[in-house]
Amino acid sequence: MVIRDGFVTNSSSTSFIIISKKELTEEYLAKKLGVKENAPNYNTILNLCKEMISEGKRGFYHHYYEDTNYELVKELFGVKTALKYDELSKKGYNIYCGRISSEESEIETALCLDCFTVQRKDIYIDASDNVW
């Protein structure tokens, strides 16, 4: 986890890419993010996961690329994630890419304060492109 200190603006966004063997549902994504069903804000987190899935199907609309591709993923997340994208997209994995914003909800703001990656056998998440 990265904790930011020093100058902080009033707005933030975090771009993310999720590469998943199976099609995402909000419950599946929450589970892969480590959220337990008995978590105090579970339903709020499910709503955020639903928004991330919906947003992720639209792609990186705020960049000058028309479609998600190796070069864009490399620019945003680096070579390691771009290689993972290239390898797994060729195997038919589902690709979700978009952004979340600190201006939407408290849970979304908390996620924007962090940069993280999740790497498991059936899912890869990179949310390290954080803009303050």
C-alpha atoms as a PDB file:
ATOM      1  CA  MET A   1       0.000   0.000   0.000  1.00  0.00           C
ATOM      2  CA  VAL A   2       1.204   3.485  -0.871  1.00  0.00           C
ATOM      3  CA  ILE A   3       0.257   6.264   1.541  1.00  0.00           C
ATOM      4  CA  ARG A   4       0.451   9.735   0.109  1.00  0.00           C
ATOM      5  CA  ASP A   5       1.599  12.699   2.155  1.00  0.00           C
ATOM      6  CA  GLY A   6       2.631  16.234   1.313  1.00  0.00           C
ATOM      7  CA  PHE A   7       0.642  18.242  -1.215  1.00  0.00           C
ATOM      8  CA  VAL A   8      -2.684  16.640  -2.081  1.00  0.00           C
ATOM      9  CA  THR A   9      -5.218  18.149  -4.470  1.00  0.00           C
ATOM     10  CA  ASN A  10      -8.959  17.937  -4.008  1.00  0.00           C
ATOM     11  CA  SER A  11      -9.484  15.446  -6.822  1.00  0.00           C
ATOM     12  CA  SER A  12      -7.961  12.181  -7.875  1.00  0.00           C
ATOM     13  CA  SER A  13      -8.509   9.374 -10.309  1.00  0.00           C
ATOM     14  CA  THR A  14      -7.025   5.935 -10.609  1.00  0.00           C
ATOM     15  CA  SER A  15      -6.936   4.066 -13.885  1.00  0.00           C
ATOM     16  CA  PHE A  16      -7.232   0.310 -13.648  1.00  0.00           C
ATOM     17  CA  ILE A  17      -6.995  -2.768 -15.798  1.00  0.00           C
ATOM     18  CA  ILE A  18      -8.572  -6.042 -14.761  1.00  0.00           C
ATOM     19  CA  ILE A  19      -7.695  -9.189 -16.701  1.00  0.00           C
ATOM     20  CA  SER A  20      -9.970 -12.027 -15.665  1.00  0.00           C
ATOM     21  CA  LYS A  21     -10.349 -15.608 -16.815  1.00  0.00           C
ATOM     22  CA  LYS A  22     -14.079 -15.496 -16.114  1.00  0.00           C
ATOM     23  CA  GLU A  23     -16.545 -12.720 -16.762  1.00  0.00           C
ATOM     24  CA  LEU A  24     -16.725 -10.402 -13.781  1.00  0.00           C
ATOM     25  CA  THR A  25     -19.635 -10.007 -11.428  1.00  0.00           C
ATOM     26  CA  GLU A  26     -19.564  -7.568  -8.545  1.00  0.00           C
ATOM     27  CA  GLU A  27     -19.467 -10.443  -6.020  1.00  0.00           C
ATOM     28  CA  TYR A  28     -16.557 -12.151  -7.802  1.00  0.00           C
ATOM     29  CA  LEU A  29     -14.572  -8.894  -8.085  1.00  0.00           C
ATOM     30  CA  ALA A  30     -15.176  -8.023  -4.420  1.00  0.00           C
ATOM     31  CA  LYS A  31     -13.981 -11.493  -3.417  1.00  0.00           C
ATOM     32  CA  LYS A  32     -10.833 -11.138  -5.559  1.00  0.00           C
ATOM     33  CA  LEU A  33     -10.170  -7.754  -3.937  1.00  0.00           C
ATOM     34  CA  GLY A  34     -10.245  -9.505  -0.562  1.00  0.00           C
ATOM     35  CA  VAL A  35     -13.593  -8.164   0.647  1.00  0.00           C
ATOM     36  CA  LYS A  36     -15.508 -10.502   2.945  1.00  0.00           C
ATOM     37  CA  GLU A  37     -19.292 -10.792   2.755  1.00  0.00           C
ATOM     38  CA  ASN A  38     -19.575  -9.758   6.408  1.00  0.00           C
ATOM     39  CA  ALA A  39     -17.598  -6.525   5.858  1.00  0.00           C
ATOM     40  CA  PRO A  40     -19.435  -3.493   7.293  1.00  0.00           C
ATOM     41  CA  ASN A  41     -19.723  -1.722   3.920  1.00  0.00           C
ATOM     42  CA  TYR A  42     -20.129  -4.842   1.778  1.00  0.00           C
ATOM     43  CA  ASN A  43     -23.129  -3.550  -0.218  1.00  0.00           C
ATOM     44  CA  THR A  44     -21.411  -0.223  -0.874  1.00  0.00           C
ATOM     45  CA  ILE A  45     -18.318  -2.078  -2.069  1.00  0.00           C
ATOM     46  CA  LEU A  46     -20.494  -4.278  -4.301  1.00  0.00           C
ATOM     47  CA  ASN A  47     -21.908  -1.125  -5.881  1.00  0.00           C
ATOM     48  CA  LEU A  48     -18.383   0.162  -6.519  1.00  0.00           C
ATOM     49  CA  CYS A  49     -17.424  -3.184  -8.059  1.00  0.00           C
ATOM     50  CA  LYS A  50     -20.496  -2.983 -10.287  1.00  0.00           C
ATOM     51  CA  GLU A  51     -19.451   0.523 -11.398  1.00  0.00           C
ATOM     52  CA  MET A  52     -15.880  -0.651 -12.044  1.00  0.00           C
ATOM     53  CA  ILE A  53     -17.154  -3.499 -14.223  1.00  0.00           C
ATOM     54  CA  SER A  54     -19.423  -1.153 -16.155  1.00  0.00           C
ATOM     55  CA  GLU A  55     -16.681   1.462 -16.479  1.00  0.00           C
ATOM     56  CA  GLY A  56     -14.179  -1.239 -17.398  1.00  0.00           C
ATOM     57  CA  LYS A  57     -16.246  -2.331 -20.387  1.00  0.00           C
ATOM     58  CA  ARG A  58     -16.030   1.198 -21.854  1.00  0.00           C
ATOM     59  CA  GLY A  59     -12.223   1.378 -21.767  1.00  0.00           C
ATOM     60  CA  PHE A  60      -9.787   4.227 -21.281  1.00  0.00           C
ATOM     61  CA  TYR A  61     -11.933   6.947 -22.831  1.00  0.00           C
ATOM     62  CA  HIS A  62      -9.828   9.761 -21.393  1.00  0.00           C
ATOM     63  CA  HIS A  63      -6.756   8.884 -23.481  1.00  0.00           C
ATOM     64  CA  TYR A  64      -6.007   9.520 -27.133  1.00  0.00           C
ATOM     65  CA  TYR A  65      -6.062   5.824 -28.043  1.00  0.00           C
ATOM     66  CA  GLU A  66      -9.265   4.513 -29.633  1.00  0.00           C
ATOM     67  CA  ASP A  67      -8.875   0.980 -28.275  1.00  0.00           C
ATOM     68  CA  THR A  68      -6.988  -0.660 -25.455  1.00  0.00           C
ATOM     69  CA  ASN A  69      -3.750  -2.065 -26.804  1.00  0.00           C
ATOM     70  CA  TYR A  70      -0.287  -3.110 -25.685  1.00  0.00           C
ATOM     71  CA  GLU A  71       1.207   0.388 -26.090  1.00  0.00           C
ATOM     72  CA  LEU A  72      -1.508   2.069 -24.037  1.00  0.00           C
ATOM     73  CA  VAL A  73      -1.269  -0.498 -21.252  1.00  0.00           C
ATOM     74  CA  LYS A  74       2.530  -0.108 -21.275  1.00  0.00           C
ATOM     75  CA  GLU A  75       2.221   3.688 -21.087  1.00  0.00           C
ATOM     76  CA  LEU A  76      -0.192   3.580 -18.152  1.00  0.00           C
ATOM     77  CA  PHE A  77       1.048   0.597 -16.143  1.00  0.00           C
ATOM     78  CA  GLY A  78       4.476  -0.410 -17.414  1.00  0.00           C
ATOM     79  CA  VAL A  79       6.004  -3.315 -19.286  1.00  0.00           C
ATOM     80  CA  LYS A  80       5.075  -6.053 -16.781  1.00  0.00           C
ATOM     81  CA  THR A  81       1.341  -5.355 -17.006  1.00  0.00           C
ATOM     82  CA  ALA A  82       1.520  -4.801 -20.778  1.00  0.00           C
ATOM     83  CA  LEU A  83       3.125  -8.225 -21.234  1.00  0.00           C
ATOM     84  CA  LYS A  84       0.466  -9.784 -18.976  1.00  0.00           C
ATOM     85  CA  TYR A  85      -2.231  -8.016 -21.031  1.00  0.00           C
ATOM     86  CA  ASP A  86      -0.724  -9.256 -24.291  1.00  0.00           C
ATOM     87  CA  GLU A  87      -0.366 -12.848 -23.083  1.00  0.00           C
ATOM     88  CA  LEU A  88      -3.772 -13.227 -21.433  1.00  0.00           C
ATOM     89  CA  SER A  89      -5.831 -11.328 -24.013  1.00  0.00           C
ATOM     90  CA  LYS A  90      -4.527 -13.778 -26.634  1.00  0.00           C
ATOM     91  CA  LYS A  91      -5.803 -16.608 -24.416  1.00  0.00           C
ATOM     92  CA  GLY A  92      -9.306 -15.116 -24.401  1.00  0.00           C
ATOM     93  CA  TYR A  93      -9.275 -13.543 -20.936  1.00  0.00           C
ATOM     94  CA  ASN A  94     -11.785 -10.758 -20.290  1.00  0.00           C
ATOM     95  CA  ILE A  95     -10.252  -7.277 -20.249  1.00  0.00           C
ATOM     96  CA  TYR A  96     -11.790  -4.443 -18.246  1.00  0.00           C
ATOM     97  CA  CYS A  97     -10.103  -1.045 -18.191  1.00  0.00           C
ATOM     98  CA  GLY A  98     -11.309   2.294 -16.941  1.00  0.00           C
ATOM     99  CA  ARG A  99     -10.919   4.649 -14.030  1.00  0.00           C
ATOM    100  CA  ILE A 100     -12.416   5.484 -10.683  1.00  0.00           C
ATOM    101  CA  SER A 101     -12.620   8.959  -9.197  1.00  0.00           C
ATOM    102  CA  SER A 102     -12.315  10.386  -5.703  1.00  0.00           C
ATOM    103  CA  GLU A 103     -15.326  12.588  -6.382  1.00  0.00           C
ATOM    104  CA  GLU A 104     -17.885   9.757  -6.397  1.00  0.00           C
ATOM    105  CA  SER A 105     -18.101   8.018  -2.989  1.00  0.00           C
ATOM    106  CA  GLU A 106     -16.082   7.535   0.194  1.00  0.00           C
ATOM    107  CA  ILE A 107     -15.189   3.951  -0.781  1.00  0.00           C
ATOM    108  CA  GLU A 108     -14.069   5.083  -4.242  1.00  0.00           C
ATOM    109  CA  THR A 109     -12.057   7.909  -2.667  1.00  0.00           C
ATOM    110  CA  ALA A 110     -10.304   5.393  -0.395  1.00  0.00           C
ATOM    111  CA  LEU A 111      -9.356   3.262  -3.420  1.00  0.00           C
ATOM    112  CA  CYS A 112      -8.033   6.358  -5.211  1.00  0.00           C
ATOM    113  CA  LEU A 113      -5.709   7.026  -2.283  1.00  0.00           C
ATOM    114  CA  ASP A 114      -3.943   3.741  -2.938  1.00  0.00           C
ATOM    115  CA  CYS A 115      -1.998   2.176  -5.794  1.00  0.00           C
ATOM    116  CA  PHE A 116      -2.221  -1.599  -5.945  1.00  0.00           C
ATOM    117  CA  THR A 117      -1.905  -4.739  -7.998  1.00  0.00           C
ATOM    118  CA  VAL A 118      -3.550  -8.109  -7.437  1.00  0.00           C
ATOM    119  CA  GLN A 119      -2.087 -11.147  -9.137  1.00  0.00           C
ATOM    120  CA  ARG A 120      -3.783 -14.509  -8.801  1.00  0.00           C
ATOM    121  CA  LYS A 121      -4.088 -17.529 -11.046  1.00  0.00           C
ATOM    122  CA  ASP A 122      -7.394 -16.454 -12.598  1.00  0.00           C
ATOM    123  CA  ILE A 123      -7.268 -12.645 -12.281  1.00  0.00           C
ATOM    124  CA  TYR A 124      -4.775  -9.804 -12.620  1.00  0.00           C
ATOM    125  CA  ILE A 125      -5.591  -6.263 -11.465  1.00  0.00           C
ATOM    126  CA  ASP A 126      -3.338  -3.242 -11.831  1.00  0.00           C
ATOM    127  CA  ALA A 127      -4.550   0.028 -10.335  1.00  0.00           C
ATOM    128  CA  SER A 128      -1.166   1.701 -10.086  1.00  0.00           C
ATOM    129  CA  ASP A 129      -1.868   4.604 -12.496  1.00  0.00           C
ATOM    130  CA  ASN A 130      -2.907   7.115  -9.850  1.00  0.00           C
ATOM    131  CA  VAL A 131      -3.205  10.811 -10.770  1.00  0.00           C
ATOM    132  CA  TRP A 132      -3.315  13.516  -8.110  1.00  0.00           C
END
